Amino acid sequence: MPDRLLHHFLRQPGQQTATIDLDGTAWSFDDVLGRALTIARRLRVRGGTAGRVVLLRSEPGPLFGVADLAVLVAGGVPAVLPDLTHEQLTAVWRVVDPSAVIDTTGQDRSLLDDEASRTGTVLHRVDEANCRPAGTPVEWRAVARRWAEARREPAATVVFTSGTTGAPRAVVLNETALVRGVRAWTAQWTARPTRTLSYLPISHIAQRLMGHTLMCLYGTTVVASTPGRAADDLVAYRPDTLLGVPHLWARLASASAQNDEAGQLLCAALAGVTTAVNGAAALDRAVAAELQRRTGIRIADAYGATETTVPAFHQPDAALLGLGRPVGVQHRLTDEGELLLRGPNLAAGYVDRWPRLRPVTGRHGWLPTGDLIRAADDGTLHPVGRRASAFKTSRGEMISPEPVEAHLLTHPAVIAACLLGHSLPRAVALVCAPDTATWIPAHVAALQRELHDSAEAARRRGDVPWSDLAAVHVLPDSWADLGLVTSTGKPRRREIHNHYRHLLTLPESAHAPA
């Protein structure tokens, strides 16, 4: 019998809290199951769900768990939509050919509604009131077990890549690989996860793993949150497990340093986190070390990609150099330094046109990660940057932008960063700092100098590689609103370059630092 998420979910105690909504309402496993069956019945009545993709538009919270489980119970494959342009949504729709759409957001008409109408796809709007179940938990579990046994589709979900270099790809993750991979990864942790925050977009694989999947496998309580209230919810709910991205860790480091009651409460909450994981992008080692010194929290670094299903490397201490130890994968480097991975938990494939897939691997089962890696003499693997984002200046310098961007993100005012320099004399850093919209020009200029000097000091210390950084431009624009970053804050470099082209002009005589 394949290892199924549904089977694990049904083993959890019915009255135990599965998830907590933004308003503080606790939903038990039975609450989630009963509502999931209500939606699954609607999907089954319509027909055509088994073995087909169902698109979800949802946010962190109980209704996401309801919708995702409903699709699995009905025999389908859930796929959470990230924020997409009209062209991207049309391309995704054509590829996955959804049988239905579930929207739990309660938002007004959107591009999703228009595309569903154009293609004749059924759209189910789900809220807490319209999915309340009839019957009893005993009856719900009997039906769910029967339907789970009848499920034949091996795929657990379709995840869309971030689309930093164009249209997102639809990546299929199999249930068996997902369950096996999460077990192998969590075996590296020091404690079983009992409570976690879910504040990132659930379209991102890391948030799915660290929230919904932990809930199904281990009975972990998932507390819905948002990036803006994550620090407050840390104090209020005291999770023992926490996924973070570099900007959040920088904000927590800054907030916990405040010598007031709020800072002390946050320090105490962070001290109670037994499993802290950094994902989505590289974390500056200084931030990890500072948080550990102040609160005792030790942040682990997780290296992976959507195509690896789960993290492929686990670094127990993000304050240390290197990717850490491999988790269920073989690895090797090409002559150019690109990391290749092979293992049983890799994604099933990219969707060409559902259900037709093409493999994510090349010859002999190796997955090209696109990441450039340097192997130290002791065998430690050190990330250099993304192959696709590396650029050469007009002076012939080859530069990987990610280390400098990670350093710039350590400043609490910086939401996102992008280093550009292709065919320029020297590199230019653009940073998104919406809080500066109300600052006077002199204060913005001071922040630009501070960020530039900090990056140069880090270079001289050897914390970041040579970047030939000429200038830092602080921008008050919301890159998320402009579509210049992905759902997890990764820069869409081409769009940023085009939007701020006027800031990327440097004289050839621009001098280089010593």
Foldseek 3Di string as FASTA:
>chain_A
DFDFLLVLLLPDDQQAFLEAFPVGDTAGSLNLLQLLCLLLVVDVVVDPAAQAEEEEEDFPGSVVSSPLVSSVLNNHAYAYDFDDDLVLVVVVCQQRVGQAYEYAPPDDDDSVNVVCVVVVHHYHYDYSPVRRHDDDSVVSSVSSVVSNVVHDHQWSHWAWFQQLPHRTFTFTFGRNLLVVQLVLVCVPFPDQWAEEEQAFGCSDLVSCSQGVSSCSNPVHYYYYDHLVCVLVVLLVPLGQAYEDEQLSLLQLLVQLPDPDPSNVSSLASQLNHRAYEYDDAQAQLVSQVSSCVRRVHFYKYFDDGVQQSGGQAIRRHSNDFARHHGGAWDWDADPQQFIKIAGDSGIPATGRHPPDGDHCADPPRIHGPQWGWDQDPVRGIGTQAGNVQWAAELVGDTHHCRQLFNQLSSNNQFLGKDWDHHHHLFIEMETEGQVCPPPDPVVQVVVFVVSVVSSVVCCVVVSHDDRQYQTYHYDNDDCVVVVQAGSNRHGSVVVVCVVVVVVRHDDNPRDGDD
